[in-house]
């Protein structure tokens, strides 16, 4: 176990593995959460006249 921690935290290759592994885990989590959010909030189609764009709707 000591060899694994030594590799991960004391070598450049180990730090690269931690870095890119973190990116992959974050991307997978974002993908799963996006799928869940997409199911929860279904697209209701185009906006009707008079619907508000929200707090920053006129700025962008």
PDB file of N, CA and C in Angstrom:
ATOM      1  N   UNK A   1       0.823  -1.188   0.000  1.00  0.00           N
ATOM      2  CA  UNK A   1       0.000   0.000   0.000  1.00  0.00           C
ATOM      3  C   UNK A   1       0.874   1.261   0.000  1.00  0.00           C
ATOM      4  N   UNK A   2       1.961   1.198   0.723  1.00  0.00           N
ATOM      5  CA  UNK A   2       2.886   2.333   0.769  1.00  0.00           C
ATOM      6  C   UNK A   2       3.451   2.636  -0.616  1.00  0.00           C
ATOM      7  N   UNK A   3       3.682   1.590  -1.414  1.00  0.00           N
ATOM      8  CA  UNK A   3       4.212   1.804  -2.753  1.00  0.00           C
ATOM      9  C   UNK A   3       3.223   2.553  -3.643  1.00  0.00           C
ATOM     10  N   UNK A   4       1.946   2.248  -3.469  1.00  0.00           N
ATOM     11  CA  UNK A   4       0.915   2.913  -4.280  1.00  0.00           C
ATOM     12  C   UNK A   4       0.859   4.399  -3.934  1.00  0.00           C
ATOM     13  N   UNK A   5       0.815   4.717  -2.635  1.00  0.00           N
ATOM     14  CA  UNK A   5       0.769   6.123  -2.227  1.00  0.00           C
ATOM     15  C   UNK A   5       2.044   6.851  -2.632  1.00  0.00           C
ATOM     16  N   UNK A   6       3.156   6.179  -2.506  1.00  0.00           N
ATOM     17  CA  UNK A   6       4.429   6.776  -2.906  1.00  0.00           C
ATOM     18  C   UNK A   6       4.421   7.075  -4.397  1.00  0.00           C
ATOM     19  N   UNK A   7       3.923   6.144  -5.206  1.00  0.00           N
ATOM     20  CA  UNK A   7       3.845   6.368  -6.652  1.00  0.00           C
ATOM     21  C   UNK A   7       2.923   7.528  -6.975  1.00  0.00           C
ATOM     22  N   UNK A   8       1.733   7.554  -6.376  1.00  0.00           N
ATOM     23  CA  UNK A   8       0.731   8.558  -6.728  1.00  0.00           C
ATOM     24  C   UNK A   8       1.128   9.966  -6.306  1.00  0.00           C
ATOM     25  N   UNK A   9       1.752  10.115  -5.158  1.00  0.00           N
ATOM     26  CA  UNK A   9       1.984  11.451  -4.619  1.00  0.00           C
ATOM     27  C   UNK A   9       3.432  11.924  -4.699  1.00  0.00           C
ATOM     28  N   UNK A  10       4.357  11.062  -5.092  1.00  0.00           N
ATOM     29  CA  UNK A  10       5.755  11.463  -5.115  1.00  0.00           C
ATOM     30  C   UNK A  10       6.394  11.402  -6.494  1.00  0.00           C
ATOM     31  N   UNK A  11       5.652  11.010  -7.516  1.00  0.00           N
ATOM     32  CA  UNK A  11       6.209  10.975  -8.872  1.00  0.00           C
ATOM     33  C   UNK A  11       5.349  11.812  -9.806  1.00  0.00           C
ATOM     34  N   UNK A  12       5.965  12.283 -10.879  1.00  0.00           N
ATOM     35  CA  UNK A  12       5.212  13.076 -11.863  1.00  0.00           C
ATOM     36  C   UNK A  12       4.140  12.231 -12.541  1.00  0.00           C
ATOM     37  N   UNK A  13       4.462  10.992 -12.839  1.00  0.00           N
ATOM     38  CA  UNK A  13       3.501  10.104 -13.486  1.00  0.00           C
ATOM     39  C   UNK A  13       2.304   9.854 -12.583  1.00  0.00           C
ATOM     40  N   UNK A  14       2.564   9.650 -11.301  1.00  0.00           N
ATOM     41  CA  UNK A  14       1.478   9.432 -10.349  1.00  0.00           C
ATOM     42  C   UNK A  14       0.579  10.647 -10.226  1.00  0.00           C
ATOM     43  N   UNK A  15       1.179  11.830 -10.202  1.00  0.00           N
ATOM     44  CA  UNK A  15       0.370  13.054 -10.140  1.00  0.00           C
ATOM     45  C   UNK A  15      -0.442  13.241 -11.413  1.00  0.00           C
ATOM     46  N   UNK A  16       0.126  12.857 -12.544  1.00  0.00           N
ATOM     47  CA  UNK A  16      -0.624  12.931 -13.805  1.00  0.00           C
ATOM     48  C   UNK A  16      -1.802  11.959 -13.780  1.00  0.00           C
ATOM     49  N   UNK A  17      -1.581  10.768 -13.220  1.00  0.00           N
ATOM     50  CA  UNK A  17      -2.675   9.795 -13.093  1.00  0.00           C
ATOM     51  C   UNK A  17      -3.781  10.370 -12.208  1.00  0.00           C
ATOM     52  N   UNK A  18      -3.429  10.973 -11.093  1.00  0.00           N
ATOM     53  CA  UNK A  18      -4.434  11.582 -10.215  1.00  0.00           C
ATOM     54  C   UNK A  18      -5.174  12.715 -10.919  1.00  0.00           C
ATOM     55  N   UNK A  19      -4.438  13.546 -11.636  1.00  0.00           N
ATOM     56  CA  UNK A  19      -5.040  14.686 -12.317  1.00  0.00           C
ATOM     57  C   UNK A  19      -6.040  14.243 -13.381  1.00  0.00           C
ATOM     58  N   UNK A  20      -5.592  13.388 -14.289  1.00  0.00           N
ATOM     59  CA  UNK A  20      -6.471  12.959 -15.378  1.00  0.00           C
ATOM     60  C   UNK A  20      -7.579  12.036 -14.871  1.00  0.00           C
ATOM     61  N   UNK A  21      -7.305  11.268 -13.841  1.00  0.00           N
ATOM     62  CA  UNK A  21      -8.356  10.457 -13.232  1.00  0.00           C
ATOM     63  C   UNK A  21      -9.447  11.331 -12.631  1.00  0.00           C
ATOM     64  N   UNK A  22      -9.042  12.432 -12.009  1.00  0.00           N
ATOM     65  CA  UNK A  22     -10.023  13.374 -11.467  1.00  0.00           C
ATOM     66  C   UNK A  22     -10.867  14.012 -12.544  1.00  0.00           C
ATOM     67  N   UNK A  23     -10.249  14.333 -13.671  1.00  0.00           N
ATOM     68  CA  UNK A  23     -11.001  14.910 -14.790  1.00  0.00           C
ATOM     69  C   UNK A  23     -12.014  13.906 -15.324  1.00  0.00           C
ATOM     70  N   UNK A  24     -11.605  12.656 -15.461  1.00  0.00           N
ATOM     71  CA  UNK A  24     -12.514  11.622 -15.970  1.00  0.00           C
ATOM     72  C   UNK A  24     -13.673  11.407 -14.998  1.00  0.00           C
ATOM     73  N   UNK A  25     -13.383  11.353 -13.711  1.00  0.00           N
ATOM     74  CA  UNK A  25     -14.447  11.155 -12.716  1.00  0.00           C
ATOM     75  C   UNK A  25     -15.410  12.337 -12.720  1.00  0.00           C
ATOM     76  N   UNK A  26     -14.892  13.556 -12.810  1.00  0.00           N
ATOM     77  CA  UNK A  26     -15.756  14.737 -12.853  1.00  0.00           C
ATOM     78  C   UNK A  26     -16.623  14.735 -14.116  1.00  0.00           C
ATOM     79  N   UNK A  27     -16.057  14.328 -15.251  1.00  0.00           N
ATOM     80  CA  UNK A  27     -16.830  14.273 -16.496  1.00  0.00           C
ATOM     81  C   UNK A  27     -17.937  13.225 -16.416  1.00  0.00           C
ATOM     82  N   UNK A  28     -17.634  12.076 -15.832  1.00  0.00           N
ATOM     83  CA  UNK A  28     -18.660  11.037 -15.678  1.00  0.00           C
ATOM     84  C   UNK A  28     -19.767  11.494 -14.740  1.00  0.00           C
ATOM     85  N   UNK A  29     -19.404  12.149 -13.648  1.00  0.00           N
ATOM     86  CA  UNK A  29     -20.412  12.655 -12.714  1.00  0.00           C
ATOM     87  C   UNK A  29     -21.295  13.703 -13.392  1.00  0.00           C
ATOM     88  N   UNK A  30     -20.685  14.593 -14.174  1.00  0.00           N
ATOM     89  CA  UNK A  30     -21.469  15.612 -14.884  1.00  0.00           C
ATOM     90  C   UNK A  30     -22.410  14.971 -15.890  1.00  0.00           C
ATOM     91  N   UNK A  31     -21.947  13.942 -16.587  1.00  0.00           N
ATOM     92  CA  UNK A  31     -22.787  13.247 -17.554  1.00  0.00           C
ATOM     93  C   UNK A  31     -23.991  12.600 -16.871  1.00  0.00           C
ATOM     94  N   UNK A  32     -23.756  11.916 -15.752  1.00  0.00           N
ATOM     95  CA  UNK A  32     -24.851  11.256 -15.028  1.00  0.00           C
ATOM     96  C   UNK A  32     -25.827  12.286 -14.483  1.00  0.00           C
ATOM     97  N   UNK A  33     -25.321  13.373 -13.906  1.00  0.00           N
ATOM     98  CA  UNK A  33     -26.211  14.394 -13.357  1.00  0.00           C
ATOM     99  C   UNK A  33     -26.990  15.103 -14.459  1.00  0.00           C
ATOM    100  N   UNK A  34     -26.379  15.306 -15.614  1.00  0.00           N
ATOM    101  CA  UNK A  34     -27.085  15.929 -16.729  1.00  0.00           C
ATOM    102  C   UNK A  34     -28.223  15.042 -17.218  1.00  0.00           C
ATOM    103  N   UNK A  35     -27.984  13.742 -17.305  1.00  0.00           N
ATOM    104  CA  UNK A  35     -29.053  12.817 -17.708  1.00  0.00           C
ATOM    105  C   UNK A  35     -30.210  12.870 -16.711  1.00  0.00           C
ATOM    106  N   UNK A  36     -29.880  12.878 -15.425  1.00  0.00           N
ATOM    107  CA  UNK A  36     -30.919  12.922 -14.392  1.00  0.00           C
ATOM    108  C   UNK A  36     -31.698  14.231 -14.468  1.00  0.00           C
ATOM    109  N   UNK A  37     -30.989  15.351 -14.666  1.00  0.00           N
ATOM    110  CA  UNK A  37     -31.651  16.648 -14.758  1.00  0.00           C
ATOM    111  C   UNK A  37     -32.519  16.723 -16.005  1.00  0.00           C
ATOM    112  N   UNK A  38     -32.058  16.147 -17.103  1.00  0.00           N
ATOM    113  CA  UNK A  38     -32.818  16.165 -18.345  1.00  0.00           C
ATOM    114  C   UNK A  38     -34.135  15.404 -18.185  1.00  0.00           C
ATOM    115  N   UNK A  39     -34.136  14.329 -17.428  1.00  0.00           N
ATOM    116  CA  UNK A  39     -35.372  13.581 -17.189  1.00  0.00           C
ATOM    117  C   UNK A  39     -36.303  14.341 -16.255  1.00  0.00           C
ATOM    118  N   UNK A  40     -35.717  15.058 -15.295  1.00  0.00           N
ATOM    119  CA  UNK A  40     -36.524  15.763 -14.302  1.00  0.00           C
ATOM    120  C   UNK A  40     -37.197  17.007 -14.883  1.00  0.00           C
ATOM    121  N   UNK A  41     -36.466  17.750 -15.717  1.00  0.00           N
ATOM    122  CA  UNK A  41     -36.969  18.993 -16.292  1.00  0.00           C
ATOM    123  C   UNK A  41     -37.113  18.807 -17.801  1.00  0.00           C
ATOM    124  N   UNK A  42     -38.277  18.421 -18.222  1.00  0.00           N
ATOM    125  CA  UNK A  42     -38.541  18.131 -19.629  1.00  0.00           C
ATOM    126  C   UNK A  42     -38.675  19.437 -20.394  1.00  0.00           C
ATOM    127  N   UNK A  43     -38.150  19.463 -21.618  1.00  0.00           N
ATOM    128  CA  UNK A  43     -38.243  20.642 -22.470  1.00  0.00           C
ATOM    129  C   UNK A  43     -39.704  20.896 -22.813  1.00  0.00           C
ATOM    130  N   UNK A  44     -40.134  22.131 -22.623  1.00  0.00           N
ATOM    131  CA  UNK A  44     -41.528  22.471 -22.874  1.00  0.00           C
ATOM    132  C   UNK A  44     -41.734  23.178 -24.201  1.00  0.00           C
ATOM    133  N   UNK A  45     -40.746  23.147 -25.063  1.00  0.00           N
ATOM    134  CA  UNK A  45     -40.899  23.762 -26.375  1.00  0.00           C
ATOM    135  C   UNK A  45     -40.512  25.219 -26.365  1.00  0.00           C
ATOM    136  N   UNK A  46     -40.801  25.894 -27.478  1.00  0.00           N
ATOM    137  CA  UNK A  46     -40.430  27.316 -27.577  1.00  0.00           C
ATOM    138  C   UNK A  46     -41.248  28.180 -26.625  1.00  0.00           C
ATOM    139  N   UNK A  47     -40.689  29.328 -26.259  1.00  0.00           N
ATOM    140  CA  UNK A  47     -41.379  30.256 -25.352  1.00  0.00           C
ATOM    141  C   UNK A  47     -42.530  30.937 -26.069  1.00  0.00           C
ATOM    142  N   UNK A  48     -43.547  31.227 -25.319  1.00  0.00           N
ATOM    143  CA  UNK A  48     -44.689  31.961 -25.854  1.00  0.00           C
ATOM    144  C   UNK A  48     -44.421  33.448 -25.694  1.00  0.00           C
ATOM    145  N   UNK A  49     -45.172  34.258 -26.433  1.00  0.00           N
ATOM    146  CA  UNK A  49     -45.020  35.713 -26.332  1.00  0.00           C
ATOM    147  C   UNK A  49     -45.320  36.164 -24.911  1.00  0.00           C
ATOM    148  N   UNK A  50     -44.467  37.052 -24.413  1.00  0.00           N
ATOM    149  CA  UNK A  50     -44.691  37.601 -23.083  1.00  0.00           C
ATOM    150  C   UNK A  50     -44.019  36.821 -21.963  1.00  0.00           C
ATOM    151  N   UNK A  51     -43.431  35.698 -22.255  1.00  0.00           N
ATOM    152  CA  UNK A  51     -42.744  34.959 -21.203  1.00  0.00           C
ATOM    153  C   UNK A  51     -41.441  35.658 -20.865  1.00  0.00           C
ATOM    154  N   UNK A  52     -41.150  35.706 -19.587  1.00  0.00           N
ATOM    155  CA  UNK A  52     -39.944  36.373 -19.112  1.00  0.00           C
ATOM    156  C   UNK A  52     -38.734  35.483 -19.329  1.00  0.00           C
ATOM    157  N   UNK A  53     -37.598  36.105 -19.689  1.00  0.00           N
ATOM    158  CA  UNK A  53     -36.362  35.357 -19.890  1.00  0.00           C
ATOM    159  C   UNK A  53     -35.584  35.177 -18.600  1.00  0.00           C
ATOM    160  N   UNK A  54     -36.047  35.681 -17.511  1.00  0.00           N
ATOM    161  CA  UNK A  54     -35.350  35.546 -16.240  1.00  0.00           C
ATOM    162  C   UNK A  54     -34.664  36.835 -15.856  1.00  0.00           C
ATOM    163  N   UNK A  55     -33.834  36.762 -14.845  1.00  0.00           N
ATOM    164  CA  UNK A  55     -33.193  37.925 -14.271  1.00  0.00           C
ATOM    165  C   UNK A  55     -32.262  38.623 -15.260  1.00  0.00           C
ATOM    166  N   UNK A  56     -31.506  37.853 -16.031  1.00  0.00           N
ATOM    167  CA  UNK A  56     -30.527  38.434 -16.946  1.00  0.00           C
ATOM    168  C   UNK A  56     -30.961  38.293 -18.410  1.00  0.00           C
ATOM    169  N   UNK A  57     -32.236  38.145 -18.673  1.00  0.00           N
ATOM    170  CA  UNK A  57     -32.723  37.891 -20.009  1.00  0.00           C
ATOM    171  C   UNK A  57     -32.433  38.998 -21.001  1.00  0.00           C
ATOM    172  N   UNK A  58     -32.500  40.243 -20.590  1.00  0.00           N
ATOM    173  CA  UNK A  58     -32.280  41.349 -21.507  1.00  0.00           C
ATOM    174  C   UNK A  58     -30.819  41.697 -21.688  1.00  0.00           C
ATOM    175  N   UNK A  59     -29.946  41.151 -20.855  1.00  0.00           N
ATOM    176  CA  UNK A  59     -28.533  41.519 -20.927  1.00  0.00           C
ATOM    177  C   UNK A  59     -27.757  40.752 -21.966  1.00  0.00           C
ATOM    178  N   UNK A  60     -28.148  39.523 -22.233  1.00  0.00           N
ATOM    179  CA  UNK A  60     -27.334  38.686 -23.130  1.00  0.00           C
ATOM    180  C   UNK A  60     -28.069  38.403 -24.403  1.00  0.00           C
TER     181      UNK A  60
END
